[in-house]
Amino acid sequence: MAMGRYDIFVILGRMKLCDYKKLNEEDQYRILWEQGVLIDACMDGEVKKLLYAIDNFYVELWCHTVTNKILWKLSFKQGKLLEKYLDKYSVQIN
């Protein structure tokens, strides 16, 4: 049986964002559920926004709280999508 991209990443244990984006949707979700670490969650009306970390990038997942359906998924490394989570935590430097 031939190994696919997903199998190679499971064996190597390290994934880059560009590699994740090349995976099909099913394998992206499999990586998210198996390797993703939930970092934060927030509510926006009936939508729960979940932030996961996978190696050196993030995945934001939007879920409808009533139907429990996934509405949206986006993967990224930095920028405004990450900053909205970081702004919730104040860091004081002495």
N, C-alpha and C. Protein backbone atom coordinates (compact mmCIF):
# COMPACT_ATOMS: atom_id res chain seq x y z
N MET A 1 0.83 -1.17 0.00
CA MET A 1 0.00 0.00 0.00
C MET A 1 0.88 1.25 0.00
N ALA A 2 0.61 2.16 -0.91
CA ALA A 2 1.41 3.38 -1.04
C ALA A 2 1.06 4.36 0.06
N MET A 3 2.07 5.09 0.51
CA MET A 3 1.84 6.09 1.55
C MET A 3 1.48 7.41 0.90
N GLY A 4 0.54 8.12 1.51
CA GLY A 4 0.16 9.44 1.04
C GLY A 4 0.86 10.52 1.84
N ARG A 5 0.58 11.77 1.50
CA ARG A 5 1.19 12.90 2.21
C ARG A 5 0.90 12.85 3.70
N TYR A 6 -0.34 12.53 4.05
CA TYR A 6 -0.72 12.47 5.47
C TYR A 6 0.17 11.48 6.21
N ASP A 7 0.36 10.28 5.64
CA ASP A 7 1.17 9.24 6.28
C ASP A 7 2.60 9.70 6.51
N ILE A 8 3.16 10.41 5.55
CA ILE A 8 4.54 10.90 5.66
C ILE A 8 4.65 11.89 6.82
N PHE A 9 3.67 12.80 6.95
CA PHE A 9 3.73 13.79 8.02
C PHE A 9 3.54 13.14 9.39
N VAL A 10 2.72 12.11 9.47
CA VAL A 10 2.54 11.40 10.73
C VAL A 10 3.85 10.74 11.14
N ILE A 11 4.56 10.16 10.18
CA ILE A 11 5.84 9.50 10.47
C ILE A 11 6.90 10.53 10.88
N LEU A 12 7.00 11.63 10.13
CA LEU A 12 8.01 12.64 10.41
C LEU A 12 7.67 13.48 11.64
N GLY A 13 6.40 13.68 11.89
CA GLY A 13 5.97 14.39 13.08
C GLY A 13 6.12 15.89 13.06
N ARG A 14 6.49 16.49 11.95
CA ARG A 14 6.64 17.95 11.86
C ARG A 14 6.03 18.42 10.55
N MET A 15 5.23 19.46 10.63
CA MET A 15 4.54 19.93 9.43
C MET A 15 4.67 21.44 9.31
N LYS A 16 4.82 21.90 8.09
CA LYS A 16 4.84 23.32 7.80
C LYS A 16 3.47 23.72 7.27
N LEU A 17 3.17 25.01 7.38
CA LEU A 17 1.88 25.51 6.93
C LEU A 17 1.64 25.21 5.45
N CYS A 18 2.65 25.41 4.61
CA CYS A 18 2.47 25.16 3.17
C CYS A 18 2.15 23.69 2.90
N ASP A 19 2.72 22.78 3.68
CA ASP A 19 2.43 21.36 3.52
C ASP A 19 0.99 21.04 3.95
N TYR A 20 0.57 21.66 5.04
CA TYR A 20 -0.79 21.46 5.54
C TYR A 20 -1.81 21.90 4.50
N LYS A 21 -1.56 23.05 3.87
CA LYS A 21 -2.50 23.58 2.88
C LYS A 21 -2.57 22.72 1.62
N LYS A 22 -1.53 21.96 1.35
CA LYS A 22 -1.52 21.07 0.19
C LYS A 22 -2.35 19.79 0.42
N LEU A 23 -2.61 19.48 1.68
CA LEU A 23 -3.40 18.28 2.00
C LEU A 23 -4.85 18.46 1.59
N ASN A 24 -5.53 17.37 1.32
CA ASN A 24 -6.96 17.47 1.05
C ASN A 24 -7.69 17.77 2.36
N GLU A 25 -8.93 18.17 2.25
CA GLU A 25 -9.73 18.61 3.41
C GLU A 25 -9.80 17.53 4.50
N GLU A 26 -10.01 16.30 4.10
CA GLU A 26 -10.12 15.20 5.06
C GLU A 26 -8.83 15.04 5.87
N ASP A 27 -7.68 15.08 5.19
CA ASP A 27 -6.40 14.95 5.90
C ASP A 27 -6.10 16.17 6.76
N GLN A 28 -6.52 17.36 6.32
CA GLN A 28 -6.33 18.55 7.15
C GLN A 28 -7.08 18.40 8.48
N TYR A 29 -8.33 17.92 8.41
CA TYR A 29 -9.09 17.73 9.64
C TYR A 29 -8.48 16.62 10.50
N ARG A 30 -7.98 15.58 9.88
CA ARG A 30 -7.36 14.50 10.64
C ARG A 30 -6.14 15.02 11.41
N ILE A 31 -5.31 15.81 10.75
CA ILE A 31 -4.14 16.42 11.41
C ILE A 31 -4.61 17.34 12.54
N LEU A 32 -5.64 18.15 12.27
CA LEU A 32 -6.16 19.07 13.27
C LEU A 32 -6.61 18.32 14.52
N TRP A 33 -7.38 17.25 14.36
CA TRP A 33 -7.90 16.50 15.51
C TRP A 33 -6.81 15.71 16.22
N GLU A 34 -5.84 15.19 15.48
CA GLU A 34 -4.82 14.34 16.10
C GLU A 34 -3.64 15.12 16.67
N GLN A 35 -3.26 16.23 16.03
CA GLN A 35 -2.06 16.96 16.46
C GLN A 35 -2.32 18.37 16.95
N GLY A 36 -3.50 18.89 16.67
CA GLY A 36 -3.80 20.26 17.07
C GLY A 36 -3.97 20.39 18.58
N VAL A 37 -3.48 21.51 19.09
CA VAL A 37 -3.62 21.83 20.51
C VAL A 37 -4.53 23.04 20.61
N LEU A 38 -5.64 22.89 21.33
CA LEU A 38 -6.58 24.00 21.50
C LEU A 38 -5.93 25.08 22.35
N ILE A 39 -5.82 26.28 21.78
CA ILE A 39 -5.16 27.40 22.46
C ILE A 39 -6.18 28.33 23.10
N ASP A 40 -7.27 28.59 22.39
CA ASP A 40 -8.26 29.55 22.89
C ASP A 40 -9.60 29.30 22.20
N ALA A 41 -10.65 29.78 22.82
CA ALA A 41 -12.00 29.70 22.26
C ALA A 41 -12.76 30.94 22.68
N CYS A 42 -13.62 31.42 21.81
CA CYS A 42 -14.46 32.56 22.15
C CYS A 42 -15.80 32.43 21.42
N MET A 43 -16.80 33.07 21.97
CA MET A 43 -18.15 33.04 21.40
C MET A 43 -18.43 34.35 20.68
N ASP A 44 -19.11 34.23 19.54
CA ASP A 44 -19.56 35.39 18.77
C ASP A 44 -20.98 35.05 18.32
N GLY A 45 -21.96 35.39 19.16
CA GLY A 45 -23.34 35.00 18.88
C GLY A 45 -23.48 33.49 18.97
N GLU A 46 -23.96 32.87 17.90
CA GLU A 46 -24.11 31.42 17.87
C GLU A 46 -22.90 30.71 17.27
N VAL A 47 -21.79 31.44 17.14
CA VAL A 47 -20.58 30.86 16.56
C VAL A 47 -19.49 30.78 17.63
N LYS A 48 -18.92 29.59 17.77
CA LYS A 48 -17.77 29.40 18.66
C LYS A 48 -16.54 29.39 17.77
N LYS A 49 -15.58 30.27 18.09
CA LYS A 49 -14.33 30.36 17.34
C LYS A 49 -13.24 29.68 18.16
N LEU A 50 -12.60 28.70 17.55
CA LEU A 50 -11.58 27.91 18.23
C LEU A 50 -10.23 28.12 17.56
N LEU A 51 -9.20 28.36 18.34
CA LEU A 51 -7.86 28.53 17.81
C LEU A 51 -7.02 27.33 18.22
N TYR A 52 -6.47 26.63 17.22
CA TYR A 52 -5.61 25.48 17.45
C TYR A 52 -4.19 25.79 16.97
N ALA A 53 -3.20 25.22 17.64
CA ALA A 53 -1.82 25.29 17.20
C ALA A 53 -1.40 23.92 16.68
N ILE A 54 -0.73 23.92 15.53
CA ILE A 54 -0.14 22.71 14.96
C ILE A 54 1.28 23.07 14.59
N ASP A 55 2.24 22.48 15.25
CA ASP A 55 3.65 22.79 15.03
C ASP A 55 3.88 24.30 15.05
N ASN A 56 4.18 24.94 13.92
CA ASN A 56 4.51 26.37 13.93
C ASN A 56 3.46 27.24 13.22
N PHE A 57 2.22 26.77 13.18
CA PHE A 57 1.14 27.56 12.58
C PHE A 57 -0.15 27.33 13.36
N TYR A 58 -1.19 28.05 12.97
CA TYR A 58 -2.47 28.03 13.67
C TYR A 58 -3.61 27.72 12.72
N VAL A 59 -4.67 27.17 13.28
CA VAL A 59 -5.89 26.92 12.52
C VAL A 59 -7.04 27.50 13.34
N GLU A 60 -7.81 28.37 12.70
CA GLU A 60 -9.01 28.92 13.34
C GLU A 60 -10.21 28.19 12.76
N LEU A 61 -11.05 27.71 13.64
CA LEU A 61 -12.22 26.93 13.25
C LEU A 61 -13.46 27.62 13.81
N TRP A 62 -14.45 27.83 12.97
CA TRP A 62 -15.72 28.41 13.41
C TRP A 62 -16.77 27.32 13.40
N CYS A 63 -17.45 27.14 14.53
CA CYS A 63 -18.48 26.11 14.66
C CYS A 63 -19.80 26.75 15.09
N HIS A 64 -20.89 26.31 14.49
CA HIS A 64 -22.22 26.78 14.88
C HIS A 64 -22.61 26.02 16.15
N THR A 65 -22.94 26.76 17.20
CA THR A 65 -23.17 26.12 18.50
C THR A 65 -24.47 25.32 18.54
N VAL A 66 -25.46 25.70 17.75
CA VAL A 66 -26.75 25.00 17.77
C VAL A 66 -26.67 23.69 16.98
N THR A 67 -26.11 23.76 15.78
CA THR A 67 -26.06 22.58 14.91
C THR A 67 -24.76 21.78 15.06
N ASN A 68 -23.75 22.37 15.71
CA ASN A 68 -22.43 21.75 15.87
C ASN A 68 -21.74 21.50 14.53
N LYS A 69 -22.11 22.27 13.52
CA LYS A 69 -21.51 22.16 12.19
C LYS A 69 -20.33 23.11 12.08
N ILE A 70 -19.30 22.68 11.35
CA ILE A 70 -18.16 23.55 11.08
C ILE A 70 -18.54 24.50 9.95
N LEU A 71 -18.40 25.80 10.22
CA LEU A 71 -18.76 26.82 9.25
C LEU A 71 -17.59 27.29 8.42
N TRP A 72 -16.39 27.27 9.02
CA TRP A 72 -15.25 27.89 8.36
C TRP A 72 -13.97 27.39 9.00
N LYS A 73 -12.90 27.30 8.21
CA LYS A 73 -11.59 26.91 8.72
C LYS A 73 -10.54 27.68 7.95
N LEU A 74 -9.58 28.24 8.67
CA LEU A 74 -8.50 28.98 8.03
C LEU A 74 -7.20 28.69 8.76
N SER A 75 -6.14 28.45 8.01
CA SER A 75 -4.82 28.21 8.61
C SER A 75 -3.92 29.40 8.31
N PHE A 76 -3.06 29.76 9.27
CA PHE A 76 -2.20 30.94 9.14
C PHE A 76 -1.06 30.86 10.14
N LYS A 77 -0.05 31.73 9.96
CA LYS A 77 1.09 31.77 10.86
C LYS A 77 1.06 32.99 11.78
N GLN A 78 0.60 34.12 11.26
CA GLN A 78 0.67 35.37 12.02
C GLN A 78 -0.33 36.36 11.43
N GLY A 79 -0.33 37.56 11.96
CA GLY A 79 -1.17 38.61 11.41
C GLY A 79 -2.39 38.90 12.28
N LYS A 80 -3.34 39.60 11.69
CA LYS A 80 -4.52 40.07 12.43
C LYS A 80 -5.35 38.93 13.02
N LEU A 81 -5.42 37.79 12.33
CA LEU A 81 -6.17 36.67 12.86
C LEU A 81 -5.59 36.18 14.18
N LEU A 82 -4.28 36.19 14.31
CA LEU A 82 -3.64 35.77 15.56
C LEU A 82 -3.68 36.90 16.59
N GLU A 83 -3.51 38.13 16.14
CA GLU A 83 -3.47 39.27 17.05
C GLU A 83 -4.75 39.42 17.86
N LYS A 84 -5.90 39.09 17.29
CA LYS A 84 -7.15 39.25 18.04
C LYS A 84 -7.18 38.33 19.26
N TYR A 85 -6.47 37.21 19.21
CA TYR A 85 -6.37 36.33 20.37
C TYR A 85 -5.33 36.84 21.35
N LEU A 86 -4.21 37.32 20.84
CA LEU A 86 -3.14 37.82 21.70
C LEU A 86 -3.57 39.06 22.47
N ASP A 87 -4.42 39.88 21.86
CA ASP A 87 -4.89 41.10 22.51
C ASP A 87 -5.70 40.81 23.77
N LYS A 88 -6.22 39.60 23.90
CA LYS A 88 -7.01 39.24 25.08
C LYS A 88 -6.15 39.10 26.33
N TYR A 89 -4.86 38.88 26.15
CA TYR A 89 -3.96 38.62 27.27
C TYR A 89 -2.97 39.75 27.39
N SER A 90 -2.94 40.36 28.55
CA SER A 90 -1.99 41.46 28.75
C SER A 90 -0.68 40.90 29.29
N VAL A 91 0.39 41.39 28.73
CA VAL A 91 1.72 40.99 29.18
C VAL A 91 2.43 42.24 29.67
N GLN A 92 2.93 42.16 30.88
CA GLN A 92 3.67 43.30 31.43
C GLN A 92 5.14 42.97 31.45
N ILE A 93 5.93 43.89 30.91
CA ILE A 93 7.37 43.72 30.87
C ILE A 93 7.96 44.74 31.82
N ASN A 94 8.75 44.27 32.77
CA ASN A 94 9.38 45.16 33.75
C ASN A 94 10.75 45.55 33.31
